[in-house]
Amino acid sequence: DIGLSTVIIKTKIIKNKNYFCKLKTKEDYQLWLQIVKTEKNLIGMKKCLTSWRSLKVSLSSSILQRLIDAYRLFNRYEKYNTFTSLFYVIRLSYYAFLKKIRIYN
């Protein structure tokens, strides 16, 4: 799981990337998918570097919008067929659900 406000990245890694796709949510996730496909050494830390809060007016507060954008990301930008895109949306949602359970326990 990548918290964008905690990332330190070398400029050369993102130099030839398309940056963000045109989605309301998940636009950063597509960039991370591009980076993960090309980079061999990604290092994570098991340390809390930031905190976040949930607002009812934020873009990501709409579950329906997040699901639609996730499907569009996998189907349109990652070029997966309908069934594979739906599978990845379900998998992404499942892991997000597990993350929320971990956070609130």
PDB file of N, CA and C in Angstrom:
ATOM      1  N   ASP A   1       0.849  -1.172   0.000  1.00  0.00           N
ATOM      2  CA  ASP A   1       0.000   0.000   0.000  1.00  0.00           C
ATOM      3  C   ASP A   1       0.895   1.236   0.000  1.00  0.00           C
ATOM      4  N   ILE A   2       0.612   2.181  -0.862  1.00  0.00           N
ATOM      5  CA  ILE A   2       1.470   3.355  -1.016  1.00  0.00           C
ATOM      6  C   ILE A   2       0.702   4.617  -0.604  1.00  0.00           C
ATOM      7  N   GLY A   3       1.194   5.293   0.406  1.00  0.00           N
ATOM      8  CA  GLY A   3       0.643   6.593   0.786  1.00  0.00           C
ATOM      9  C   GLY A   3       1.382   7.665  -0.003  1.00  0.00           C
ATOM     10  N   LEU A   4       0.691   8.310  -0.917  1.00  0.00           N
ATOM     11  CA  LEU A   4       1.368   9.242  -1.831  1.00  0.00           C
ATOM     12  C   LEU A   4       2.093  10.371  -1.124  1.00  0.00           C
ATOM     13  N   SER A   5       1.574  10.810  -0.009  1.00  0.00           N
ATOM     14  CA  SER A   5       2.238  11.920   0.687  1.00  0.00           C
ATOM     15  C   SER A   5       3.509  11.467   1.386  1.00  0.00           C
ATOM     16  N   THR A   6       3.814  10.173   1.328  1.00  0.00           N
ATOM     17  CA  THR A   6       5.008   9.662   1.987  1.00  0.00           C
ATOM     18  C   THR A   6       6.079   9.194   1.006  1.00  0.00           C
ATOM     19  N   VAL A   7       5.854   9.360  -0.269  1.00  0.00           N
ATOM     20  CA  VAL A   7       6.754   8.804  -1.277  1.00  0.00           C
ATOM     21  C   VAL A   7       7.960   9.693  -1.518  1.00  0.00           C
ATOM     22  N   ILE A   8       9.110   9.051  -1.589  1.00  0.00           N
ATOM     23  CA  ILE A   8      10.329   9.703  -2.045  1.00  0.00           C
ATOM     24  C   ILE A   8      10.762   8.899  -3.266  1.00  0.00           C
ATOM     25  N   ILE A   9      10.894   9.570  -4.397  1.00  0.00           N
ATOM     26  CA  ILE A   9      11.165   8.855  -5.639  1.00  0.00           C
ATOM     27  C   ILE A   9      12.189   9.619  -6.468  1.00  0.00           C
ATOM     28  N   LYS A  10      13.058   8.884  -7.119  1.00  0.00           N
ATOM     29  CA  LYS A  10      14.042   9.516  -7.980  1.00  0.00           C
ATOM     30  C   LYS A  10      13.356  10.023  -9.247  1.00  0.00           C
ATOM     31  N   THR A  11      13.738  11.201  -9.690  1.00  0.00           N
ATOM     32  CA  THR A  11      13.141  11.820 -10.868  1.00  0.00           C
ATOM     33  C   THR A  11      13.254  10.943 -12.096  1.00  0.00           C
ATOM     34  N   LYS A  12      14.365  10.246 -12.258  1.00  0.00           N
ATOM     35  CA  LYS A  12      14.567   9.422 -13.448  1.00  0.00           C
ATOM     36  C   LYS A  12      13.533   8.298 -13.550  1.00  0.00           C
ATOM     37  N   ILE A  13      12.963   7.879 -12.431  1.00  0.00           N
ATOM     38  CA  ILE A  13      11.965   6.811 -12.443  1.00  0.00           C
ATOM     39  C   ILE A  13      10.677   7.268 -13.110  1.00  0.00           C
ATOM     40  N   ILE A  14      10.263   8.505 -12.858  1.00  0.00           N
ATOM     41  CA  ILE A  14       8.998   8.980 -13.438  1.00  0.00           C
ATOM     42  C   ILE A  14       9.188   9.798 -14.710  1.00  0.00           C
ATOM     43  N   LYS A  15      10.408   9.952 -15.148  1.00  0.00           N
ATOM     44  CA  LYS A  15      10.714  10.810 -16.291  1.00  0.00           C
ATOM     45  C   LYS A  15       9.938  10.430 -17.553  1.00  0.00           C
ATOM     46  N   ASN A  16       9.824   9.159 -17.871  1.00  0.00           N
ATOM     47  CA  ASN A  16       9.145   8.734 -19.100  1.00  0.00           C
ATOM     48  C   ASN A  16       7.764   8.138 -18.848  1.00  0.00           C
ATOM     49  N   LYS A  17       7.178   8.414 -17.724  1.00  0.00           N
ATOM     50  CA  LYS A  17       5.853   7.898 -17.400  1.00  0.00           C
ATOM     51  C   LYS A  17       4.786   8.891 -17.872  1.00  0.00           C
ATOM     52  N   ASN A  18       3.582   8.394 -18.044  1.00  0.00           N
ATOM     53  CA  ASN A  18       2.463   9.239 -18.489  1.00  0.00           C
ATOM     54  C   ASN A  18       1.817   9.997 -17.340  1.00  0.00           C
ATOM     55  N   TYR A  19       2.391   9.913 -16.180  1.00  0.00           N
ATOM     56  CA  TYR A  19       1.870  10.549 -14.975  1.00  0.00           C
ATOM     57  C   TYR A  19       0.454  10.096 -14.696  1.00  0.00           C
ATOM     58  N   PHE A  20      -0.482  10.996 -14.542  1.00  0.00           N
ATOM     59  CA  PHE A  20      -1.812  10.618 -14.088  1.00  0.00           C
ATOM     60  C   PHE A  20      -2.801  10.473 -15.243  1.00  0.00           C
ATOM     61  N   CYS A  21      -3.647   9.446 -15.131  1.00  0.00           N
ATOM     62  CA  CYS A  21      -4.703   9.269 -16.134  1.00  0.00           C
ATOM     63  C   CYS A  21      -5.865  10.198 -15.799  1.00  0.00           C
ATOM     64  N   LYS A  22      -6.829  10.274 -16.677  1.00  0.00           N
ATOM     65  CA  LYS A  22      -7.943  11.211 -16.518  1.00  0.00           C
ATOM     66  C   LYS A  22      -9.139  10.530 -15.845  1.00  0.00           C
ATOM     67  N   LEU A  23      -8.986  10.240 -14.569  1.00  0.00           N
ATOM     68  CA  LEU A  23     -10.051   9.678 -13.755  1.00  0.00           C
ATOM     69  C   LEU A  23     -10.225  10.555 -12.521  1.00  0.00           C
ATOM     70  N   LYS A  24     -11.419  10.554 -11.936  1.00  0.00           N
ATOM     71  CA  LYS A  24     -11.645  11.362 -10.738  1.00  0.00           C
ATOM     72  C   LYS A  24     -10.921  10.775  -9.531  1.00  0.00           C
ATOM     73  N   THR A  25     -10.904   9.455  -9.451  1.00  0.00           N
ATOM     74  CA  THR A  25     -10.180   8.765  -8.397  1.00  0.00           C
ATOM     75  C   THR A  25      -9.284   7.734  -9.077  1.00  0.00           C
ATOM     76  N   LYS A  26      -8.370   7.152  -8.370  1.00  0.00           N
ATOM     77  CA  LYS A  26      -7.471   6.119  -8.904  1.00  0.00           C
ATOM     78  C   LYS A  26      -6.458   6.642  -9.924  1.00  0.00           C
ATOM     79  N   GLU A  27      -6.364   7.947 -10.130  1.00  0.00           N
ATOM     80  CA  GLU A  27      -5.420   8.483 -11.114  1.00  0.00           C
ATOM     81  C   GLU A  27      -3.980   8.228 -10.698  1.00  0.00           C
ATOM     82  N   ASP A  28      -3.723   8.249  -9.406  1.00  0.00           N
ATOM     83  CA  ASP A  28      -2.379   7.970  -8.905  1.00  0.00           C
ATOM     84  C   ASP A  28      -2.061   6.478  -8.961  1.00  0.00           C
ATOM     85  N   TYR A  29      -3.058   5.648  -8.794  1.00  0.00           N
ATOM     86  CA  TYR A  29      -2.852   4.197  -8.791  1.00  0.00           C
ATOM     87  C   TYR A  29      -2.301   3.718 -10.134  1.00  0.00           C
ATOM     88  N   GLN A  30      -2.770   4.321 -11.204  1.00  0.00           N
ATOM     89  CA  GLN A  30      -2.292   3.952 -12.541  1.00  0.00           C
ATOM     90  C   GLN A  30      -0.810   4.291 -12.694  1.00  0.00           C
ATOM     91  N   LEU A  31      -0.380   5.415 -12.142  1.00  0.00           N
ATOM     92  CA  LEU A  31       1.044   5.769 -12.168  1.00  0.00           C
ATOM     93  C   LEU A  31       1.863   4.721 -11.416  1.00  0.00           C
ATOM     94  N   TRP A  32       1.380   4.279 -10.266  1.00  0.00           N
ATOM     95  CA  TRP A  32       2.103   3.266  -9.494  1.00  0.00           C
ATOM     96  C   TRP A  32       2.162   1.949 -10.251  1.00  0.00           C
ATOM     97  N   LEU A  33       1.106   1.609 -10.977  1.00  0.00           N
ATOM     98  CA  LEU A  33       1.140   0.387 -11.784  1.00  0.00           C
ATOM     99  C   LEU A  33       2.230   0.492 -12.860  1.00  0.00           C
ATOM    100  N   GLN A  34       2.364   1.668 -13.476  1.00  0.00           N
ATOM    101  CA  GLN A  34       3.419   1.876 -14.476  1.00  0.00           C
ATOM    102  C   GLN A  34       4.801   1.712 -13.844  1.00  0.00           C
ATOM    103  N   ILE A  35       4.985   2.292 -12.680  1.00  0.00           N
ATOM    104  CA  ILE A  35       6.288   2.246 -12.018  1.00  0.00           C
ATOM    105  C   ILE A  35       6.628   0.813 -11.603  1.00  0.00           C
ATOM    106  N   VAL A  36       5.675   0.114 -11.022  1.00  0.00           N
ATOM    107  CA  VAL A  36       5.916  -1.256 -10.552  1.00  0.00           C
ATOM    108  C   VAL A  36       6.286  -2.181 -11.706  1.00  0.00           C
ATOM    109  N   LYS A  37       5.733  -1.941 -12.888  1.00  0.00           N
ATOM    110  CA  LYS A  37       6.034  -2.786 -14.044  1.00  0.00           C
ATOM    111  C   LYS A  37       7.467  -2.622 -14.531  1.00  0.00           C
ATOM    112  N   THR A  38       8.085  -1.482 -14.282  1.00  0.00           N
ATOM    113  CA  THR A  38       9.414  -1.225 -14.829  1.00  0.00           C
ATOM    114  C   THR A  38      10.538  -1.239 -13.803  1.00  0.00           C
ATOM    115  N   GLU A  39      10.235  -0.978 -12.557  1.00  0.00           N
ATOM    116  CA  GLU A  39      11.271  -0.880 -11.530  1.00  0.00           C
ATOM    117  C   GLU A  39      11.452  -2.197 -10.791  1.00  0.00           C
ATOM    118  N   LYS A  40      12.673  -2.541 -10.518  1.00  0.00           N
ATOM    119  CA  LYS A  40      12.991  -3.787  -9.822  1.00  0.00           C
ATOM    120  C   LYS A  40      13.138  -3.591  -8.315  1.00  0.00           C
ATOM    121  N   ASN A  41      13.586  -2.432  -7.893  1.00  0.00           N
ATOM    122  CA  ASN A  41      13.870  -2.196  -6.483  1.00  0.00           C
ATOM    123  C   ASN A  41      12.935  -1.146  -5.904  1.00  0.00           C
ATOM    124  N   LEU A  42      11.883  -1.602  -5.270  1.00  0.00           N
ATOM    125  CA  LEU A  42      10.979  -0.715  -4.548  1.00  0.00           C
ATOM    126  C   LEU A  42      11.050  -1.122  -3.083  1.00  0.00           C
ATOM    127  N   ILE A  43      11.234  -0.154  -2.228  1.00  0.00           N
ATOM    128  CA  ILE A  43      11.427  -0.446  -0.817  1.00  0.00           C
ATOM    129  C   ILE A  43      10.323   0.225  -0.008  1.00  0.00           C
ATOM    130  N   GLY A  44       9.707  -0.548   0.849  1.00  0.00           N
ATOM    131  CA  GLY A  44       8.675  -0.017   1.718  1.00  0.00           C
ATOM    132  C   GLY A  44       9.146  -0.010   3.156  1.00  0.00           C
ATOM    133  N   MET A  45       8.544   0.824   3.948  1.00  0.00           N
ATOM    134  CA  MET A  45       8.885   0.906   5.363  1.00  0.00           C
ATOM    135  C   MET A  45       7.651   0.560   6.184  1.00  0.00           C
ATOM    136  N   LYS A  46       7.836  -0.130   7.265  1.00  0.00           N
ATOM    137  CA  LYS A  46       6.727  -0.426   8.172  1.00  0.00           C
ATOM    138  C   LYS A  46       6.705   0.638   9.268  1.00  0.00           C
ATOM    139  N   LYS A  47       6.490   1.861   8.826  1.00  0.00           N
ATOM    140  CA  LYS A  47       6.492   2.978   9.754  1.00  0.00           C
ATOM    141  C   LYS A  47       5.403   3.947   9.328  1.00  0.00           C
ATOM    142  N   CYS A  48       4.629   4.422  10.267  1.00  0.00           N
ATOM    143  CA  CYS A  48       3.561   5.382   9.968  1.00  0.00           C
ATOM    144  C   CYS A  48       4.196   6.763   9.765  1.00  0.00           C
ATOM    145  N   LEU A  49       4.058   7.304   8.567  1.00  0.00           N
ATOM    146  CA  LEU A  49       4.663   8.602   8.254  1.00  0.00           C
ATOM    147  C   LEU A  49       3.642   9.737   8.160  1.00  0.00           C
ATOM    148  N   THR A  50       2.386   9.382   7.966  1.00  0.00           N
ATOM    149  CA  THR A  50       1.337  10.398   7.867  1.00  0.00           C
ATOM    150  C   THR A  50       0.060   9.889   8.520  1.00  0.00           C
ATOM    151  N   SER A  51      -0.896  10.765   8.634  1.00  0.00           N
ATOM    152  CA  SER A  51      -2.243  10.371   9.041  1.00  0.00           C
ATOM    153  C   SER A  51      -3.213  10.995   8.054  1.00  0.00           C
ATOM    154  N   TRP A  52      -4.412  10.471   8.000  1.00  0.00           N
ATOM    155  CA  TRP A  52      -5.392  10.992   7.066  1.00  0.00           C
ATOM    156  C   TRP A  52      -6.736  11.086   7.766  1.00  0.00           C
ATOM    157  N   ARG A  53      -7.615  11.824   7.164  1.00  0.00           N
ATOM    158  CA  ARG A  53      -8.973  11.912   7.683  1.00  0.00           C
ATOM    159  C   ARG A  53      -9.944  11.743   6.531  1.00  0.00           C
ATOM    160  N   SER A  54     -11.095  11.271   6.831  1.00  0.00           N
ATOM    161  CA  SER A  54     -12.116  11.024   5.824  1.00  0.00           C
ATOM    162  C   SER A  54     -13.140  12.156   5.858  1.00  0.00           C
ATOM    163  N   LEU A  55     -13.404  12.746   4.703  1.00  0.00           N
ATOM    164  CA  LEU A  55     -14.402  13.806   4.599  1.00  0.00           C
ATOM    165  C   LEU A  55     -15.513  13.359   3.650  1.00  0.00           C
ATOM    166  N   LYS A  56     -16.745  13.692   3.976  1.00  0.00           N
ATOM    167  CA  LYS A  56     -17.874  13.287   3.140  1.00  0.00           C
ATOM    168  C   LYS A  56     -17.868  13.971   1.775  1.00  0.00           C
ATOM    169  N   VAL A  57     -17.162  15.071   1.629  1.00  0.00           N
ATOM    170  CA  VAL A  57     -17.147  15.815   0.366  1.00  0.00           C
ATOM    171  C   VAL A  57     -15.917  15.518  -0.495  1.00  0.00           C
ATOM    172  N   SER A  58     -15.063  14.601  -0.055  1.00  0.00           N
ATOM    173  CA  SER A  58     -13.868  14.306  -0.840  1.00  0.00           C
ATOM    174  C   SER A  58     -14.224  13.488  -2.076  1.00  0.00           C
ATOM    175  N   LEU A  59     -13.358  13.534  -3.088  1.00  0.00           N
ATOM    176  CA  LEU A  59     -13.604  12.770  -4.318  1.00  0.00           C
ATOM    177  C   LEU A  59     -13.706  11.284  -4.050  1.00  0.00           C
ATOM    178  N   SER A  60     -12.887  10.794  -3.163  1.00  0.00           N
ATOM    179  CA  SER A  60     -12.864   9.358  -2.908  1.00  0.00           C
ATOM    180  C   SER A  60     -13.930   8.903  -1.912  1.00  0.00           C
ATOM    181  N   SER A  61     -14.800   9.802  -1.479  1.00  0.00           N
ATOM    182  CA  SER A  61     -15.844   9.405  -0.531  1.00  0.00           C
ATOM    183  C   SER A  61     -16.954   8.607  -1.207  1.00  0.00           C
ATOM    184  N   SER A  62     -17.089   8.710  -2.511  1.00  0.00           N
ATOM    185  CA  SER A  62     -18.125   7.976  -3.238  1.00  0.00           C
ATOM    186  C   SER A  62     -17.617   6.589  -3.617  1.00  0.00           C
ATOM    187  N   ILE A  63     -18.187   5.582  -2.992  1.00  0.00           N
ATOM    188  CA  ILE A  63     -17.783   4.199  -3.292  1.00  0.00           C
ATOM    189  C   ILE A  63     -18.091   3.865  -4.743  1.00  0.00           C
ATOM    190  N   LEU A  64     -19.240   4.306  -5.243  1.00  0.00           N
ATOM    191  CA  LEU A  64     -19.608   4.036  -6.637  1.00  0.00           C
ATOM    192  C   LEU A  64     -18.588   4.650  -7.602  1.00  0.00           C
ATOM    193  N   GLN A  65     -18.170   5.890  -7.346  1.00  0.00           N
ATOM    194  CA  GLN A  65     -17.180   6.546  -8.202  1.00  0.00           C
ATOM    195  C   GLN A  65     -15.855   5.787  -8.190  1.00  0.00           C
ATOM    196  N   ARG A  66     -15.447   5.321  -7.014  1.00  0.00           N
ATOM    197  CA  ARG A  66     -14.198   4.566  -6.916  1.00  0.00           C
ATOM    198  C   ARG A  66     -14.276   3.257  -7.683  1.00  0.00           C
ATOM    199  N   LEU A  67     -15.415   2.573  -7.616  1.00  0.00           N
ATOM    200  CA  LEU A  67     -15.586   1.310  -8.349  1.00  0.00           C
ATOM    201  C   LEU A  67     -15.572   1.541  -9.854  1.00  0.00           C
ATOM    202  N   ILE A  68     -16.279   2.568 -10.302  1.00  0.00           N
ATOM    203  CA  ILE A  68     -16.317   2.892 -11.735  1.00  0.00           C
ATOM    204  C   ILE A  68     -14.920   3.249 -12.234  1.00  0.00           C
ATOM    205  N   ASP A  69     -14.223   4.085 -11.490  1.00  0.00           N
ATOM    206  CA  ASP A  69     -12.876   4.493 -11.900  1.00  0.00           C
ATOM    207  C   ASP A  69     -11.903   3.319 -11.874  1.00  0.00           C
ATOM    208  N   ALA A  70     -12.055   2.432 -10.906  1.00  0.00           N
ATOM    209  CA  ALA A  70     -11.188   1.253 -10.857  1.00  0.00           C
ATOM    210  C   ALA A  70     -11.412   0.391 -12.097  1.00  0.00           C
ATOM    211  N   TYR A  71     -12.680   0.194 -12.464  1.00  0.00           N
ATOM    212  CA  TYR A  71     -12.969  -0.588 -13.676  1.00  0.00           C
ATOM    213  C   TYR A  71     -12.373   0.097 -14.914  1.00  0.00           C
ATOM    214  N   ARG A  72     -12.573   1.397 -15.024  1.00  0.00           N
ATOM    215  CA  ARG A  72     -12.028   2.138 -16.176  1.00  0.00           C
ATOM    216  C   ARG A  72     -10.506   2.058 -16.218  1.00  0.00           C
ATOM    217  N   LEU A  73      -9.882   2.129 -15.059  1.00  0.00           N
ATOM    218  CA  LEU A  73      -8.420   2.040 -15.003  1.00  0.00           C
ATOM    219  C   LEU A  73      -7.945   0.711 -15.583  1.00  0.00           C
ATOM    220  N   PHE A  74      -8.521  -0.383 -15.108  1.00  0.00           N
ATOM    221  CA  PHE A  74      -8.080  -1.697 -15.578  1.00  0.00           C
ATOM    222  C   PHE A  74      -8.486  -1.961 -17.020  1.00  0.00           C
ATOM    223  N   ASN A  75      -9.664  -1.517 -17.414  1.00  0.00           N
ATOM    224  CA  ASN A  75     -10.156  -1.798 -18.749  1.00  0.00           C
ATOM    225  C   ASN A  75      -9.546  -0.865 -19.801  1.00  0.00           C
ATOM    226  N   ARG A  76      -9.611   0.422 -19.558  1.00  0.00           N
ATOM    227  CA  ARG A  76      -9.178   1.412 -20.550  1.00  0.00           C
ATOM    228  C   ARG A  76      -7.673   1.652 -20.538  1.00  0.00           C
ATOM    229  N   TYR A  77      -7.105   1.826 -19.363  1.00  0.00           N
ATOM    230  CA  TYR A  77      -5.688   2.201 -19.282  1.00  0.00           C
ATOM    231  C   TYR A  77      -4.755   0.989 -19.231  1.00  0.00           C
ATOM    232  N   GLU A  78      -5.169  -0.056 -18.533  1.00  0.00           N
ATOM    233  CA  GLU A  78      -4.343  -1.264 -18.457  1.00  0.00           C
ATOM    234  C   GLU A  78      -4.692  -2.255 -19.565  1.00  0.00           C
ATOM    235  N   LYS A  79      -5.759  -1.975 -20.292  1.00  0.00           N
ATOM    236  CA  LYS A  79      -6.154  -2.761 -21.471  1.00  0.00           C
ATOM    237  C   LYS A  79      -6.539  -4.215 -21.158  1.00  0.00           C
ATOM    238  N   TYR A  80      -7.173  -4.434 -20.012  1.00  0.00           N
ATOM    239  CA  TYR A  80      -7.675  -5.762 -19.688  1.00  0.00           C
ATOM    240  C   TYR A  80      -9.097  -5.915 -20.220  1.00  0.00           C
ATOM    241  N   ASN A  81      -9.507  -7.152 -20.498  1.00  0.00           N
ATOM    242  CA  ASN A  81     -10.877  -7.367 -20.962  1.00  0.00           C
ATOM    243  C   ASN A  81     -11.849  -7.170 -19.793  1.00  0.00           C
ATOM    244  N   THR A  82     -13.132  -7.224 -20.086  1.00  0.00           N
ATOM    245  CA  THR A  82     -14.166  -6.935 -19.095  1.00  0.00           C
ATOM    246  C   THR A  82     -14.065  -7.828 -17.866  1.00  0.00           C
ATOM    247  N   PHE A  83     -13.930  -9.129 -18.070  1.00  0.00           N
ATOM    248  CA  PHE A  83     -13.906 -10.060 -16.947  1.00  0.00           C
ATOM    249  C   PHE A  83     -12.660  -9.887 -16.078  1.00  0.00           C
ATOM    250  N   THR A  84     -11.520  -9.701 -16.706  1.00  0.00           N
ATOM    251  CA  THR A  84     -10.289  -9.487 -15.950  1.00  0.00           C
ATOM    252  C   THR A  84     -10.359  -8.168 -15.195  1.00  0.00           C
ATOM    253  N   SER A  85     -10.899  -7.136 -15.829  1.00  0.00           N
ATOM    254  CA  SER A  85     -11.051  -5.835 -15.172  1.00  0.00           C
ATOM    255  C   SER A  85     -11.947  -5.953 -13.943  1.00  0.00           C
ATOM    256  N   LEU A  86     -13.070  -6.664 -14.087  1.00  0.00           N
ATOM    257  CA  LEU A  86     -13.984  -6.861 -12.955  1.00  0.00           C
ATOM    258  C   LEU A  86     -13.299  -7.643 -11.839  1.00  0.00           C
ATOM    259  N   PHE A  87     -12.532  -8.662 -12.208  1.00  0.00           N
ATOM    260  CA  PHE A  87     -11.788  -9.437 -11.207  1.00  0.00           C
ATOM    261  C   PHE A  87     -10.845  -8.526 -10.424  1.00  0.00           C
ATOM    262  N   TYR A  88     -10.099  -7.672 -11.119  1.00  0.00           N
ATOM    263  CA  TYR A  88      -9.157  -6.785 -10.443  1.00  0.00           C
ATOM    264  C   TYR A  88      -9.864  -5.743  -9.582  1.00  0.00           C
ATOM    265  N   VAL A  89     -11.036  -5.283 -10.012  1.00  0.00           N
ATOM    266  CA  VAL A  89     -11.813  -4.345  -9.198  1.00  0.00           C
ATOM    267  C   VAL A  89     -12.257  -5.032  -7.900  1.00  0.00           C
ATOM    268  N   ILE A  90     -12.736  -6.267  -8.026  1.00  0.00           N
ATOM    269  CA  ILE A  90     -13.169  -7.014  -6.839  1.00  0.00           C
ATOM    270  C   ILE A  90     -11.983  -7.258  -5.911  1.00  0.00           C
ATOM    271  N   ARG A  91     -10.834  -7.635  -6.469  1.00  0.00           N
ATOM    272  CA  ARG A  91      -9.635  -7.879  -5.663  1.00  0.00           C
ATOM    273  C   ARG A  91      -9.180  -6.598  -4.962  1.00  0.00           C
ATOM    274  N   LEU A  92      -9.165  -5.482  -5.684  1.00  0.00           N
ATOM    275  CA  LEU A  92      -8.772  -4.197  -5.112  1.00  0.00           C
ATOM    276  C   LEU A  92      -9.725  -3.813  -3.976  1.00  0.00           C
ATOM    277  N   SER A  93     -11.015  -4.020  -4.183  1.00  0.00           N
ATOM    278  CA  SER A  93     -12.021  -3.705  -3.159  1.00  0.00           C
ATOM    279  C   SER A  93     -11.846  -4.588  -1.929  1.00  0.00           C
ATOM    280  N   TYR A  94     -11.554  -5.847  -2.150  1.00  0.00           N
ATOM    281  CA  TYR A  94     -11.344  -6.789  -1.054  1.00  0.00           C
ATOM    282  C   TYR A  94     -10.160  -6.353  -0.188  1.00  0.00           C
ATOM    283  N   TYR A  95      -9.055  -6.007  -0.825  1.00  0.00           N
ATOM    284  CA  TYR A  95      -7.884  -5.572  -0.069  1.00  0.00           C
ATOM    285  C   TYR A  95      -8.124  -4.236   0.630  1.00  0.00           C
ATOM    286  N   ALA A  96      -8.897  -3.355   0.026  1.00  0.00           N
ATOM    287  CA  ALA A  96      -9.247  -2.089   0.677  1.00  0.00           C
ATOM    288  C   ALA A  96     -10.098  -2.358   1.918  1.00  0.00           C
ATOM    289  N   PHE A  97     -11.004  -3.309   1.801  1.00  0.00           N
ATOM    290  CA  PHE A  97     -11.847  -3.703   2.934  1.00  0.00           C
ATOM    291  C   PHE A  97     -10.989  -4.264   4.069  1.00  0.00           C
ATOM    292  N   LEU A  98     -10.055  -5.154   3.738  1.00  0.00           N
ATOM    293  CA  LEU A  98      -9.157  -5.714   4.761  1.00  0.00           C
ATOM    294  C   LEU A  98      -8.331  -4.626   5.430  1.00  0.00           C
ATOM    295  N   LYS A  99      -7.895  -3.649   4.642  1.00  0.00           N
ATOM    296  CA  LYS A  99      -7.102  -2.539   5.186  1.00  0.00           C
ATOM    297  C   LYS A  99      -7.924  -1.743   6.198  1.00  0.00           C
ATOM    298  N   LYS A 100      -9.188  -1.482   5.879  1.00  0.00           N
ATOM    299  CA  LYS A 100     -10.043  -0.726   6.797  1.00  0.00           C
ATOM    300  C   LYS A 100     -10.278  -1.500   8.092  1.00  0.00           C
ATOM    301  N   ILE A 101     -10.461  -2.796   7.966  1.00  0.00           N
ATOM    302  CA  ILE A 101     -10.630  -3.624   9.163  1.00  0.00           C
ATOM    303  C   ILE A 101      -9.390  -3.535  10.047  1.00  0.00           C
ATOM    304  N   ARG A 102      -8.201  -3.601   9.422  1.00  0.00           N
ATOM    305  CA  ARG A 102      -6.936  -3.518  10.162  1.00  0.00           C
ATOM    306  C   ARG A 102      -6.782  -2.155  10.843  1.00  0.00           C
ATOM    307  N   ILE A 103      -7.178  -1.092  10.152  1.00  0.00           N
ATOM    308  CA  ILE A 103      -7.018   0.249  10.697  1.00  0.00           C
ATOM    309  C   ILE A 103      -7.915   0.470  11.902  1.00  0.00           C
ATOM    310  N   TYR A 104      -9.163  -0.006  11.824  1.00  0.00           N
ATOM    311  CA  TYR A 104     -10.124   0.291  12.886  1.00  0.00           C
ATOM    312  C   TYR A 104     -10.138  -0.733  14.007  1.00  0.00           C
ATOM    313  N   ASN A 105      -9.283  -1.733  13.950  1.00  0.00           N
ATOM    314  CA  ASN A 105      -9.195  -2.709  15.062  1.00  0.00           C
ATOM    315  C   ASN A 105      -8.034  -2.412  15.960  1.00  0.00           C
TER     316      ASN A 105
END
